[in-house]
Amino acid sequence: MAVDMNTQPPVQIGKELELVKRYVLLGMTMRILNHDIRVVGASPTKLPRLYESMLRGLQDRVLLELAALRKQFRESGIRIYDETAGTDGLTARYLCRGYEHSFSLIWSYVRSEAERMLKSHLKG
């Protein structure tokens, strides 16, 4: 009996997984920035407006990258439908070309990647 290869689900391309991971990590980075902006605004620092302005500049860069990723998602048929923050880490579920996928990231990885992303946005 011959098997029709067209009925097999498509293999997920590593690029698509990396796009989704980056998007999820950038979303967490935005939450971190929002928190830090509130903390800086309420803290008794000498230059709170300067620090808040710097954080908002980073926030703008992250927002621009998130918008670009959303555009790539539309073009690639990717849709994230669930993000769950648990005690061990972050889990994301998404559709890619009609098939469901998921991944989990531990908090220490999320934290270090968010910091790395923010550093890269400071440089560029």
PDB file of N, CA and C in Angstrom:
ATOM      1  N   MET A   1       0.844  -1.179   0.000  1.00  0.00           N
ATOM      2  CA  MET A   1       0.000   0.000   0.000  1.00  0.00           C
ATOM      3  C   MET A   1       0.886   1.237   0.000  1.00  0.00           C
ATOM      4  N   ALA A   2       0.668   2.138  -0.913  1.00  0.00           N
ATOM      5  CA  ALA A   2       1.475   3.352  -1.031  1.00  0.00           C
ATOM      6  C   ALA A   2       0.956   4.415  -0.063  1.00  0.00           C
ATOM      7  N   VAL A   3       1.889   5.140   0.542  1.00  0.00           N
ATOM      8  CA  VAL A   3       1.543   6.219   1.467  1.00  0.00           C
ATOM      9  C   VAL A   3       1.691   7.539   0.737  1.00  0.00           C
ATOM     10  N   ASP A   4       0.638   8.333   0.757  1.00  0.00           N
ATOM     11  CA  ASP A   4       0.678   9.653   0.123  1.00  0.00           C
ATOM     12  C   ASP A   4       1.429  10.613   1.038  1.00  0.00           C
ATOM     13  N   MET A   5       2.580  11.077   0.616  1.00  0.00           N
ATOM     14  CA  MET A   5       3.420  11.962   1.426  1.00  0.00           C
ATOM     15  C   MET A   5       2.762  13.321   1.663  1.00  0.00           C
ATOM     16  N   ASN A   6       1.785  13.686   0.848  1.00  0.00           N
ATOM     17  CA  ASN A   6       1.118  14.974   1.011  1.00  0.00           C
ATOM     18  C   ASN A   6       0.190  15.016   2.218  1.00  0.00           C
ATOM     19  N   THR A   7      -0.139  13.846   2.791  1.00  0.00           N
ATOM     20  CA  THR A   7      -1.029  13.829   3.949  1.00  0.00           C
ATOM     21  C   THR A   7      -0.273  13.990   5.263  1.00  0.00           C
ATOM     22  N   GLN A   8       1.026  13.950   5.227  1.00  0.00           N
ATOM     23  CA  GLN A   8       1.831  14.109   6.443  1.00  0.00           C
ATOM     24  C   GLN A   8       1.850  15.575   6.858  1.00  0.00           C
ATOM     25  N   PRO A   9       1.806  15.862   8.183  1.00  0.00           N
ATOM     26  CA  PRO A   9       1.872  17.263   8.603  1.00  0.00           C
ATOM     27  C   PRO A   9       3.224  17.858   8.229  1.00  0.00           C
ATOM     28  N   PRO A  10       3.239  19.136   7.872  1.00  0.00           N
ATOM     29  CA  PRO A  10       4.505  19.756   7.491  1.00  0.00           C
ATOM     30  C   PRO A  10       5.434  19.857   8.694  1.00  0.00           C
ATOM     31  N   VAL A  11       6.697  19.711   8.449  1.00  0.00           N
ATOM     32  CA  VAL A  11       7.688  19.847   9.510  1.00  0.00           C
ATOM     33  C   VAL A  11       7.831  21.330   9.830  1.00  0.00           C
ATOM     34  N   GLN A  12       7.869  21.607  11.110  1.00  0.00           N
ATOM     35  CA  GLN A  12       8.014  23.006  11.514  1.00  0.00           C
ATOM     36  C   GLN A  12       9.431  23.461  11.203  1.00  0.00           C
ATOM     37  N   ILE A  13       9.539  24.617  10.607  1.00  0.00           N
ATOM     38  CA  ILE A  13      10.845  25.179  10.280  1.00  0.00           C
ATOM     39  C   ILE A  13      11.408  25.840  11.531  1.00  0.00           C
ATOM     40  N   GLY A  14      12.698  25.638  11.804  1.00  0.00           N
ATOM     41  CA  GLY A  14      13.334  26.208  12.986  1.00  0.00           C
ATOM     42  C   GLY A  14      13.196  27.714  13.054  1.00  0.00           C
ATOM     43  N   LYS A  15      13.172  28.354  11.898  1.00  0.00           N
ATOM     44  CA  LYS A  15      13.035  29.817  11.847  1.00  0.00           C
ATOM     45  C   LYS A  15      11.720  30.251  12.477  1.00  0.00           C
ATOM     46  N   GLU A  16      10.664  29.504  12.212  1.00  0.00           N
ATOM     47  CA  GLU A  16       9.349  29.858  12.750  1.00  0.00           C
ATOM     48  C   GLU A  16       9.332  29.734  14.271  1.00  0.00           C
ATOM     49  N   LEU A  17       9.932  28.666  14.795  1.00  0.00           N
ATOM     50  CA  LEU A  17      10.020  28.495  16.245  1.00  0.00           C
ATOM     51  C   LEU A  17      10.819  29.638  16.860  1.00  0.00           C
ATOM     52  N   GLU A  18      11.893  30.018  16.233  1.00  0.00           N
ATOM     53  CA  GLU A  18      12.712  31.124  16.753  1.00  0.00           C
ATOM     54  C   GLU A  18      11.950  32.441  16.734  1.00  0.00           C
ATOM     55  N   LEU A  19      11.150  32.672  15.701  1.00  0.00           N
ATOM     56  CA  LEU A  19      10.327  33.885  15.648  1.00  0.00           C
ATOM     57  C   LEU A  19       9.344  33.924  16.812  1.00  0.00           C
ATOM     58  N   VAL A  20       8.683  32.790  17.070  1.00  0.00           N
ATOM     59  CA  VAL A  20       7.703  32.736  18.150  1.00  0.00           C
ATOM     60  C   VAL A  20       8.394  32.912  19.506  1.00  0.00           C
ATOM     61  N   LYS A  21       9.537  32.250  19.688  1.00  0.00           N
ATOM     62  CA  LYS A  21      10.283  32.397  20.952  1.00  0.00           C
ATOM     63  C   LYS A  21      10.669  33.850  21.171  1.00  0.00           C
ATOM     64  N   ARG A  22      11.178  34.484  20.145  1.00  0.00           N
ATOM     65  CA  ARG A  22      11.596  35.880  20.260  1.00  0.00           C
ATOM     66  C   ARG A  22      10.410  36.770  20.625  1.00  0.00           C
ATOM     67  N   TYR A  23       9.279  36.527  19.981  1.00  0.00           N
ATOM     68  CA  TYR A  23       8.077  37.313  20.253  1.00  0.00           C
ATOM     69  C   TYR A  23       7.652  37.160  21.718  1.00  0.00           C
ATOM     70  N   VAL A  24       7.627  35.935  22.201  1.00  0.00           N
ATOM     71  CA  VAL A  24       7.238  35.670  23.593  1.00  0.00           C
ATOM     72  C   VAL A  24       8.223  36.331  24.553  1.00  0.00           C
ATOM     73  N   LEU A  25       9.506  36.215  24.260  1.00  0.00           N
ATOM     74  CA  LEU A  25      10.526  36.828  25.122  1.00  0.00           C
ATOM     75  C   LEU A  25      10.425  38.354  25.092  1.00  0.00           C
ATOM     76  N   LEU A  26      10.143  38.921  23.930  1.00  0.00           N
ATOM     77  CA  LEU A  26       9.981  40.374  23.850  1.00  0.00           C
ATOM     78  C   LEU A  26       8.744  40.831  24.623  1.00  0.00           C
ATOM     79  N   GLY A  27       7.692  40.028  24.597  1.00  0.00           N
ATOM     80  CA  GLY A  27       6.503  40.343  25.389  1.00  0.00           C
ATOM     81  C   GLY A  27       6.825  40.386  26.871  1.00  0.00           C
ATOM     82  N   MET A  28       7.610  39.426  27.334  1.00  0.00           N
ATOM     83  CA  MET A  28       8.021  39.416  28.739  1.00  0.00           C
ATOM     84  C   MET A  28       8.935  40.612  29.023  1.00  0.00           C
ATOM     85  N   THR A  29       9.778  40.951  28.073  1.00  0.00           N
ATOM     86  CA  THR A  29      10.658  42.115  28.217  1.00  0.00           C
ATOM     87  C   THR A  29       9.839  43.386  28.374  1.00  0.00           C
ATOM     88  N   MET A  30       8.729  43.493  27.635  1.00  0.00           N
ATOM     89  CA  MET A  30       7.843  44.656  27.771  1.00  0.00           C
ATOM     90  C   MET A  30       7.246  44.728  29.175  1.00  0.00           C
ATOM     91  N   ARG A  31       6.853  43.582  29.715  1.00  0.00           N
ATOM     92  CA  ARG A  31       6.305  43.570  31.075  1.00  0.00           C
ATOM     93  C   ARG A  31       7.359  44.003  32.090  1.00  0.00           C
ATOM     94  N   ILE A  32       8.595  43.574  31.884  1.00  0.00           N
ATOM     95  CA  ILE A  32       9.696  43.977  32.769  1.00  0.00           C
ATOM     96  C   ILE A  32       9.911  45.485  32.684  1.00  0.00           C
ATOM     97  N   LEU A  33       9.932  46.011  31.459  1.00  0.00           N
ATOM     98  CA  LEU A  33      10.122  47.457  31.279  1.00  0.00           C
ATOM     99  C   LEU A  33       8.982  48.246  31.915  1.00  0.00           C
ATOM    100  N   ASN A  34       7.745  47.798  31.738  1.00  0.00           N
ATOM    101  CA  ASN A  34       6.608  48.483  32.365  1.00  0.00           C
ATOM    102  C   ASN A  34       6.765  48.525  33.878  1.00  0.00           C
ATOM    103  N   HIS A  35       7.176  47.410  34.444  1.00  0.00           N
ATOM    104  CA  HIS A  35       7.399  47.352  35.894  1.00  0.00           C
ATOM    105  C   HIS A  35       8.489  48.332  36.312  1.00  0.00           C
ATOM    106  N   ASP A  36       9.612  48.289  35.603  1.00  0.00           N
ATOM    107  CA  ASP A  36      10.746  49.135  35.970  1.00  0.00           C
ATOM    108  C   ASP A  36      10.429  50.624  35.807  1.00  0.00           C
ATOM    109  N   ILE A  37       9.627  50.971  34.806  1.00  0.00           N
ATOM    110  CA  ILE A  37       9.226  52.371  34.621  1.00  0.00           C
ATOM    111  C   ILE A  37       8.399  52.837  35.823  1.00  0.00           C
ATOM    112  N   ARG A  38       7.490  51.998  36.283  1.00  0.00           N
ATOM    113  CA  ARG A  38       6.697  52.344  37.476  1.00  0.00           C
ATOM    114  C   ARG A  38       7.597  52.486  38.709  1.00  0.00           C
ATOM    115  N   VAL A  39       8.556  51.590  38.870  1.00  0.00           N
ATOM    116  CA  VAL A  39       9.455  51.628  40.029  1.00  0.00           C
ATOM    117  C   VAL A  39      10.316  52.883  40.005  1.00  0.00           C
ATOM    118  N   VAL A  40      10.870  53.197  38.836  1.00  0.00           N
ATOM    119  CA  VAL A  40      11.725  54.389  38.717  1.00  0.00           C
ATOM    120  C   VAL A  40      10.911  55.646  38.993  1.00  0.00           C
ATOM    121  N   GLY A  41       9.689  55.690  38.485  1.00  0.00           N
ATOM    122  CA  GLY A  41       8.841  56.863  38.693  1.00  0.00           C
ATOM    123  C   GLY A  41       8.507  57.091  40.155  1.00  0.00           C
ATOM    124  N   ALA A  42       8.454  56.019  40.932  1.00  0.00           N
ATOM    125  CA  ALA A  42       8.080  56.127  42.347  1.00  0.00           C
ATOM    126  C   ALA A  42       9.293  56.167  43.283  1.00  0.00           C
ATOM    127  N   SER A  43      10.490  56.004  42.732  1.00  0.00           N
ATOM    128  CA  SER A  43      11.674  55.946  43.604  1.00  0.00           C
ATOM    129  C   SER A  43      12.283  57.334  43.799  1.00  0.00           C
ATOM    130  N   PRO A  44      12.992  57.509  44.906  1.00  0.00           N
ATOM    131  CA  PRO A  44      13.584  58.820  45.203  1.00  0.00           C
ATOM    132  C   PRO A  44      14.960  59.015  44.546  1.00  0.00           C
ATOM    133  N   THR A  45      15.054  58.760  43.248  1.00  0.00           N
ATOM    134  CA  THR A  45      16.322  58.973  42.553  1.00  0.00           C
ATOM    135  C   THR A  45      16.478  60.455  42.210  1.00  0.00           C
ATOM    136  N   LYS A  46      17.679  60.850  41.927  1.00  0.00           N
ATOM    137  CA  LYS A  46      17.968  62.255  41.596  1.00  0.00           C
ATOM    138  C   LYS A  46      17.477  62.636  40.193  1.00  0.00           C
ATOM    139  N   LEU A  47      17.462  61.645  39.284  1.00  0.00           N
ATOM    140  CA  LEU A  47      17.095  61.924  37.893  1.00  0.00           C
ATOM    141  C   LEU A  47      16.005  60.966  37.395  1.00  0.00           C
ATOM    142  N   PRO A  48      14.863  60.945  38.053  1.00  0.00           N
ATOM    143  CA  PRO A  48      13.844  59.960  37.660  1.00  0.00           C
ATOM    144  C   PRO A  48      13.331  60.147  36.232  1.00  0.00           C
ATOM    145  N   ARG A  49      13.186  61.379  35.772  1.00  0.00           N
ATOM    146  CA  ARG A  49      12.694  61.600  34.404  1.00  0.00           C
ATOM    147  C   ARG A  49      13.685  61.089  33.365  1.00  0.00           C
ATOM    148  N   LEU A  50      14.976  61.255  33.628  1.00  0.00           N
ATOM    149  CA  LEU A  50      16.000  60.754  32.701  1.00  0.00           C
ATOM    150  C   LEU A  50      15.927  59.231  32.612  1.00  0.00           C
ATOM    151  N   TYR A  51      15.889  58.555  33.758  1.00  0.00           N
ATOM    152  CA  TYR A  51      15.845  57.096  33.762  1.00  0.00           C
ATOM    153  C   TYR A  51      14.567  56.582  33.107  1.00  0.00           C
ATOM    154  N   GLU A  52      13.458  57.242  33.403  1.00  0.00           N
ATOM    155  CA  GLU A  52      12.196  56.835  32.805  1.00  0.00           C
ATOM    156  C   GLU A  52      12.235  57.044  31.290  1.00  0.00           C
ATOM    157  N   SER A  53      12.826  58.128  30.854  1.00  0.00           N
ATOM    158  CA  SER A  53      12.948  58.410  29.430  1.00  0.00           C
ATOM    159  C   SER A  53      13.805  57.346  28.729  1.00  0.00           C
ATOM    160  N   MET A  54      14.889  56.942  29.379  1.00  0.00           N
ATOM    161  CA  MET A  54      15.749  55.901  28.806  1.00  0.00           C
ATOM    162  C   MET A  54      14.987  54.576  28.679  1.00  0.00           C
ATOM    163  N   LEU A  55      14.244  54.229  29.720  1.00  0.00           N
ATOM    164  CA  LEU A  55      13.464  52.985  29.678  1.00  0.00           C
ATOM    165  C   LEU A  55      12.371  53.053  28.626  1.00  0.00           C
ATOM    166  N   ARG A  56      11.741  54.219  28.472  1.00  0.00           N
ATOM    167  CA  ARG A  56      10.700  54.370  27.448  1.00  0.00           C
ATOM    168  C   ARG A  56      11.293  54.284  26.041  1.00  0.00           C
ATOM    169  N   GLY A  57      12.530  54.763  25.871  1.00  0.00           N
ATOM    170  CA  GLY A  57      13.204  54.615  24.581  1.00  0.00           C
ATOM    171  C   GLY A  57      13.430  53.147  24.251  1.00  0.00           C
ATOM    172  N   LEU A  58      13.847  52.375  25.238  1.00  0.00           N
ATOM    173  CA  LEU A  58      14.004  50.932  25.047  1.00  0.00           C
ATOM    174  C   LEU A  58      12.655  50.299  24.714  1.00  0.00           C
ATOM    175  N   GLN A  59      11.632  50.731  25.422  1.00  0.00           N
ATOM    176  CA  GLN A  59      10.287  50.216  25.208  1.00  0.00           C
ATOM    177  C   GLN A  59       9.838  50.460  23.757  1.00  0.00           C
ATOM    178  N   ASP A  60      10.126  51.649  23.237  1.00  0.00           N
ATOM    179  CA  ASP A  60       9.763  51.967  21.851  1.00  0.00           C
ATOM    180  C   ASP A  60      10.452  51.023  20.863  1.00  0.00           C
ATOM    181  N   ARG A  61      11.732  50.732  21.102  1.00  0.00           N
ATOM    182  CA  ARG A  61      12.469  49.826  20.208  1.00  0.00           C
ATOM    183  C   ARG A  61      11.890  48.418  20.253  1.00  0.00           C
ATOM    184  N   VAL A  62      11.545  47.968  21.453  1.00  0.00           N
ATOM    185  CA  VAL A  62      10.954  46.633  21.602  1.00  0.00           C
ATOM    186  C   VAL A  62       9.588  46.589  20.909  1.00  0.00           C
ATOM    187  N   LEU A  63       8.788  47.640  21.064  1.00  0.00           N
ATOM    188  CA  LEU A  63       7.487  47.696  20.402  1.00  0.00           C
ATOM    189  C   LEU A  63       7.612  47.637  18.878  1.00  0.00           C
ATOM    190  N   LEU A  64       8.609  48.314  18.334  1.00  0.00           N
ATOM    191  CA  LEU A  64       8.828  48.271  16.887  1.00  0.00           C
ATOM    192  C   LEU A  64       9.179  46.860  16.427  1.00  0.00           C
ATOM    193  N   GLU A  65      10.011  46.168  17.205  1.00  0.00           N
ATOM    194  CA  GLU A  65      10.371  44.798  16.835  1.00  0.00           C
ATOM    195  C   GLU A  65       9.163  43.867  16.952  1.00  0.00           C
ATOM    196  N   LEU A  66       8.347  44.058  17.986  1.00  0.00           N
ATOM    197  CA  LEU A  66       7.132  43.249  18.132  1.00  0.00           C
ATOM    198  C   LEU A  66       6.197  43.445  16.938  1.00  0.00           C
ATOM    199  N   ALA A  67       6.063  44.672  16.469  1.00  0.00           N
ATOM    200  CA  ALA A  67       5.218  44.953  15.306  1.00  0.00           C
ATOM    201  C   ALA A  67       5.756  44.254  14.061  1.00  0.00           C
ATOM    202  N   ALA A  68       7.069  44.282  13.879  1.00  0.00           N
ATOM    203  CA  ALA A  68       7.680  43.611  12.729  1.00  0.00           C
ATOM    204  C   ALA A  68       7.464  42.099  12.803  1.00  0.00           C
ATOM    205  N   LEU A  69       7.553  41.541  14.002  1.00  0.00           N
ATOM    206  CA  LEU A  69       7.327  40.105  14.164  1.00  0.00           C
ATOM    207  C   LEU A  69       5.872  39.746  13.877  1.00  0.00           C
ATOM    208  N   ARG A  70       4.936  40.582  14.326  1.00  0.00           N
ATOM    209  CA  ARG A  70       3.520  40.322  14.034  1.00  0.00           C
ATOM    210  C   ARG A  70       3.273  40.300  12.524  1.00  0.00           C
ATOM    211  N   LYS A  71       3.933  41.177  11.805  1.00  0.00           N
ATOM    212  CA  LYS A  71       3.805  41.201  10.342  1.00  0.00           C
ATOM    213  C   LYS A  71       4.330  39.885   9.750  1.00  0.00           C
ATOM    214  N   GLN A  72       5.482  39.429  10.259  1.00  0.00           N
ATOM    215  CA  GLN A  72       6.036  38.153   9.788  1.00  0.00           C
ATOM    216  C   GLN A  72       5.091  36.994  10.118  1.00  0.00           C
ATOM    217  N   PHE A  73       4.441  37.063  11.278  1.00  0.00           N
ATOM    218  CA  PHE A  73       3.480  36.027  11.654  1.00  0.00           C
ATOM    219  C   PHE A  73       2.347  35.957  10.644  1.00  0.00           C
ATOM    220  N   ARG A  74       1.815  37.114  10.284  1.00  0.00           N
ATOM    221  CA  ARG A  74       0.712  37.140   9.307  1.00  0.00           C
ATOM    222  C   ARG A  74       1.159  36.523   7.983  1.00  0.00           C
ATOM    223  N   GLU A  75       2.366  36.864   7.559  1.00  0.00           N
ATOM    224  CA  GLU A  75       2.874  36.358   6.282  1.00  0.00           C
ATOM    225  C   GLU A  75       3.165  34.862   6.332  1.00  0.00           C
ATOM    226  N   SER A  76       3.517  34.347   7.515  1.00  0.00           N
ATOM    227  CA  SER A  76       3.891  32.940   7.654  1.00  0.00           C
ATOM    228  C   SER A  76       2.767  32.062   8.184  1.00  0.00           C
ATOM    229  N   GLY A  77       1.627  32.640   8.492  1.00  0.00           N
ATOM    230  CA  GLY A  77       0.518  31.845   9.025  1.00  0.00           C
ATOM    231  C   GLY A  77       0.746  31.364  10.448  1.00  0.00           C
ATOM    232  N   ILE A  78       1.347  32.216  11.284  1.00  0.00           N
ATOM    233  CA  ILE A  78       1.628  31.868  12.679  1.00  0.00           C
ATOM    234  C   ILE A  78       0.687  32.666  13.578  1.00  0.00           C
ATOM    235  N   ARG A  79       0.139  31.981  14.597  1.00  0.00           N
ATOM    236  CA  ARG A  79      -0.714  32.666  15.565  1.00  0.00           C
ATOM    237  C   ARG A  79      -0.475  32.069  16.942  1.00  0.00           C
ATOM    238  N   ILE A  80      -0.061  32.906  17.878  1.00  0.00           N
ATOM    239  CA  ILE A  80       0.101  32.477  19.264  1.00  0.00           C
ATOM    240  C   ILE A  80      -1.271  32.580  19.918  1.00  0.00           C
ATOM    241  N   TYR A  81      -1.727  31.494  20.519  1.00  0.00           N
ATOM    242  CA  TYR A  81      -3.058  31.537  21.122  1.00  0.00           C
ATOM    243  C   TYR A  81      -3.041  31.346  22.634  1.00  0.00           C
ATOM    244  N   ASP A  82      -1.888  31.024  23.230  1.00  0.00           N
ATOM    245  CA  ASP A  82      -1.844  30.880  24.680  1.00  0.00           C
ATOM    246  C   ASP A  82      -0.422  31.072  25.195  1.00  0.00           C
ATOM    247  N   GLU A  83      -0.316  31.882  26.224  1.00  0.00           N
ATOM    248  CA  GLU A  83       0.943  32.018  26.971  1.00  0.00           C
ATOM    249  C   GLU A  83       0.595  31.832  28.436  1.00  0.00           C
ATOM    250  N   THR A  84       1.261  30.900  29.086  1.00  0.00           N
ATOM    251  CA  THR A  84       0.980  30.611  30.480  1.00  0.00           C
ATOM    252  C   THR A  84       2.257  30.754  31.295  1.00  0.00           C
ATOM    253  N   ALA A  85       2.180  31.588  32.333  1.00  0.00           N
ATOM    254  CA  ALA A  85       3.308  31.749  33.249  1.00  0.00           C
ATOM    255  C   ALA A  85       3.061  30.847  34.451  1.00  0.00           C
ATOM    256  N   GLY A  86       3.925  29.865  34.643  1.00  0.00           N
ATOM    257  CA  GLY A  86       3.812  28.947  35.770  1.00  0.00           C
ATOM    258  C   GLY A  86       4.953  29.156  36.748  1.00  0.00           C
ATOM    259  N   THR A  87       5.016  28.315  37.736  1.00  0.00           N
ATOM    260  CA  THR A  87       6.086  28.452  38.730  1.00  0.00           C
ATOM    261  C   THR A  87       7.444  28.091  38.145  1.00  0.00           C
ATOM    262  N   ASP A  88       7.465  27.171  37.183  1.00  0.00           N
ATOM    263  CA  ASP A  88       8.731  26.740  36.595  1.00  0.00           C
ATOM    264  C   ASP A  88       9.175  27.596  35.419  1.00  0.00           C
ATOM    265  N   GLY A  89       8.220  28.236  34.748  1.00  0.00           N
ATOM    266  CA  GLY A  89       8.590  29.016  33.581  1.00  0.00           C
ATOM    267  C   GLY A  89       7.389  29.448  32.772  1.00  0.00           C
ATOM    268  N   LEU A  90       7.649  29.705  31.512  1.00  0.00           N
ATOM    269  CA  LEU A  90       6.674  30.252  30.584  1.00  0.00           C
ATOM    270  C   LEU A  90       6.405  29.220  29.490  1.00  0.00           C
ATOM    271  N   THR A  91       5.138  28.975  29.199  1.00  0.00           N
ATOM    272  CA  THR A  91       4.760  28.035  28.135  1.00  0.00           C
ATOM    273  C   THR A  91       3.933  28.788  27.106  1.00  0.00           C
ATOM    274  N   ALA A  92       4.240  28.554  25.840  1.00  0.00           N
ATOM    275  CA  ALA A  92       3.492  29.187  24.747  1.00  0.00           C
ATOM    276  C   ALA A  92       2.949  28.103  23.826  1.00  0.00           C
ATOM    277  N   ARG A  93       1.713  28.314  23.378  1.00  0.00           N
ATOM    278  CA  ARG A  93       1.079  27.432  22.410  1.00  0.00           C
ATOM    279  C   ARG A  93       0.719  28.285  21.195  1.00  0.00           C
ATOM    280  N   TYR A  94       0.985  27.724  20.016  1.00  0.00           N
ATOM    281  CA  TYR A  94       0.752  28.509  18.813  1.00  0.00           C
ATOM    282  C   TYR A  94       0.417  27.613  17.633  1.00  0.00           C
ATOM    283  N   LEU A  95      -0.184  28.229  16.632  1.00  0.00           N
ATOM    284  CA  LEU A  95      -0.502  27.563  15.378  1.00  0.00           C
ATOM    285  C   LEU A  95       0.491  28.010  14.322  1.00  0.00           C
ATOM    286  N   CYS A  96       0.948  27.053  13.541  1.00  0.00           N
ATOM    287  CA  CYS A  96       1.846  27.367  12.429  1.00  0.00           C
ATOM    288  C   CYS A  96       1.378  26.540  11.236  1.00  0.00           C
ATOM    289  N   ARG A  97       0.921  27.213  10.226  1.00  0.00           N
ATOM    290  CA  ARG A  97       0.382  26.569   9.021  1.00  0.00           C
ATOM    291  C   ARG A  97      -0.682  25.532   9.354  1.00  0.00           C
ATOM    292  N   GLY A  98      -1.540  25.866  10.329  1.00  0.00           N
ATOM    293  CA  GLY A  98      -2.664  24.999  10.660  1.00  0.00           C
ATOM    294  C   GLY A  98      -2.378  23.919  11.691  1.00  0.00           C
ATOM    295  N   TYR A  99      -1.136  23.784  12.143  1.00  0.00           N
ATOM    296  CA  TYR A  99      -0.784  22.755  13.111  1.00  0.00           C
ATOM    297  C   TYR A  99      -0.392  23.384  14.444  1.00  0.00           C
ATOM    298  N   GLU A 100      -0.748  22.709  15.524  1.00  0.00           N
ATOM    299  CA  GLU A 100      -0.453  23.208  16.863  1.00  0.00           C
ATOM    300  C   GLU A 100       0.967  22.822  17.290  1.00  0.00           C
ATOM    301  N   HIS A 101       1.619  23.771  17.941  1.00  0.00           N
ATOM    302  CA  HIS A 101       2.959  23.555  18.502  1.00  0.00           C
ATOM    303  C   HIS A 101       3.010  24.231  19.869  1.00  0.00           C
ATOM    304  N   SER A 102       3.987  23.841  20.674  1.00  0.00           N
ATOM    305  CA  SER A 102       4.177  24.508  21.962  1.00  0.00           C
ATOM    306  C   SER A 102       5.628  24.385  22.384  1.00  0.00           C
ATOM    307  N   PHE A 103       6.023  25.243  23.313  1.00  0.00           N
ATOM    308  CA  PHE A 103       7.351  25.154  23.921  1.00  0.00           C
ATOM    309  C   PHE A 103       7.278  25.790  25.302  1.00  0.00           C
ATOM    310  N   SER A 104       8.244  25.438  26.134  1.00  0.00           N
ATOM    311  CA  SER A 104       8.341  25.993  27.480  1.00  0.00           C
ATOM    312  C   SER A 104       9.747  26.525  27.694  1.00  0.00           C
ATOM    313  N   LEU A 105       9.836  27.613  28.452  1.00  0.00           N
ATOM    314  CA  LEU A 105      11.112  28.224  28.787  1.00  0.00           C
ATOM    315  C   LEU A 105      11.184  28.390  30.307  1.00  0.00           C
ATOM    316  N   ILE A 106      12.295  27.997  30.916  1.00  0.00           N
ATOM    317  CA  ILE A 106      12.434  28.174  32.354  1.00  0.00           C
ATOM    318  C   ILE A 106      12.733  29.642  32.662  1.00  0.00           C
ATOM    319  N   TRP A 107      12.355  30.079  33.873  1.00  0.00           N
ATOM    320  CA  TRP A 107      12.463  31.500  34.223  1.00  0.00           C
ATOM    321  C   TRP A 107      13.886  32.036  34.140  1.00  0.00           C
ATOM    322  N   SER A 108      14.878  31.243  34.530  1.00  0.00           N
ATOM    323  CA  SER A 108      16.255  31.755  34.467  1.00  0.00           C
ATOM    324  C   SER A 108      16.650  32.065  33.022  1.00  0.00           C
ATOM    325  N   TYR A 109      16.189  31.248  32.070  1.00  0.00           N
ATOM    326  CA  TYR A 109      16.460  31.504  30.662  1.00  0.00           C
ATOM    327  C   TYR A 109      15.725  32.755  30.196  1.00  0.00           C
ATOM    328  N   VAL A 110      14.451  32.889  30.586  1.00  0.00           N
ATOM    329  CA  VAL A 110      13.654  34.061  30.199  1.00  0.00           C
ATOM    330  C   VAL A 110      14.336  35.327  30.701  1.00  0.00           C
ATOM    331  N   ARG A 111      14.764  35.313  31.951  1.00  0.00           N
ATOM    332  CA  ARG A 111      15.407  36.482  32.557  1.00  0.00           C
ATOM    333  C   ARG A 111      16.704  36.853  31.821  1.00  0.00           C
ATOM    334  N   SER A 112      17.545  35.857  31.573  1.00  0.00           N
ATOM    335  CA  SER A 112      18.826  36.153  30.916  1.00  0.00           C
ATOM    336  C   SER A 112      18.623  36.599  29.467  1.00  0.00           C
ATOM    337  N   GLU A 113      17.655  36.004  28.762  1.00  0.00           N
ATOM    338  CA  GLU A 113      17.384  36.412  27.380  1.00  0.00           C
ATOM    339  C   GLU A 113      16.770  37.812  27.317  1.00  0.00           C
ATOM    340  N   ALA A 114      15.895  38.131  28.266  1.00  0.00           N
ATOM    341  CA  ALA A 114      15.313  39.481  28.300  1.00  0.00           C
ATOM    342  C   ALA A 114      16.419  40.512  28.508  1.00  0.00           C
ATOM    343  N   GLU A 115      17.343  40.207  29.396  1.00  0.00           N
ATOM    344  CA  GLU A 115      18.463  41.125  29.636  1.00  0.00           C
ATOM    345  C   GLU A 115      19.343  41.256  28.394  1.00  0.00           C
ATOM    346  N   ARG A 116      19.613  40.131  27.731  1.00  0.00           N
ATOM    347  CA  ARG A 116      20.435  40.149  26.518  1.00  0.00           C
ATOM    348  C   ARG A 116      19.751  40.970  25.423  1.00  0.00           C
ATOM    349  N   MET A 117      18.444  40.808  25.276  1.00  0.00           N
ATOM    350  CA  MET A 117      17.700  41.558  24.254  1.00  0.00           C
ATOM    351  C   MET A 117      17.733  43.050  24.545  1.00  0.00           C
ATOM    352  N   LEU A 118      17.562  43.415  25.801  1.00  0.00           N
ATOM    353  CA  LEU A 118      17.598  44.833  26.157  1.00  0.00           C
ATOM    354  C   LEU A 118      18.983  45.428  25.894  1.00  0.00           C
ATOM    355  N   LYS A 119      20.017  44.686  26.184  1.00  0.00           N
ATOM    356  CA  LYS A 119      21.379  45.154  25.903  1.00  0.00           C
ATOM    357  C   LYS A 119      21.567  45.368  24.409  1.00  0.00           C
ATOM    358  N   SER A 120      21.042  44.449  23.594  1.00  0.00           N
ATOM    359  CA  SER A 120      21.198  44.603  22.149  1.00  0.00           C
ATOM    360  C   SER A 120      20.419  45.812  21.639  1.00  0.00           C
ATOM    361  N   HIS A 121      19.275  46.117  22.251  1.00  0.00           N
ATOM    362  CA  HIS A 121      18.507  47.302  21.859  1.00  0.00           C
ATOM    363  C   HIS A 121      19.205  48.582  22.312  1.00  0.00           C
ATOM    364  N   LEU A 122      19.973  48.515  23.382  1.00  0.00           N
ATOM    365  CA  LEU A 122      20.737  49.704  23.824  1.00  0.00           C
ATOM    366  C   LEU A 122      21.835  50.031  22.819  1.00  0.00           C
ATOM    367  N   LYS A 123      22.445  49.002  22.262  1.00  0.00           N
ATOM    368  CA  LYS A 123      23.557  49.197  21.309  1.00  0.00           C
ATOM    369  C   LYS A 123      23.055  49.683  19.957  1.00  0.00           C
ATOM    370  N   GLY A 124      21.896  49.193  19.545  1.00  0.00           N
ATOM    371  CA  GLY A 124      21.438  49.493  18.195  1.00  0.00           C
ATOM    372  C   GLY A 124      20.298  50.369  18.198  1.00  0.00           C
TER     373      GLY A 124
END
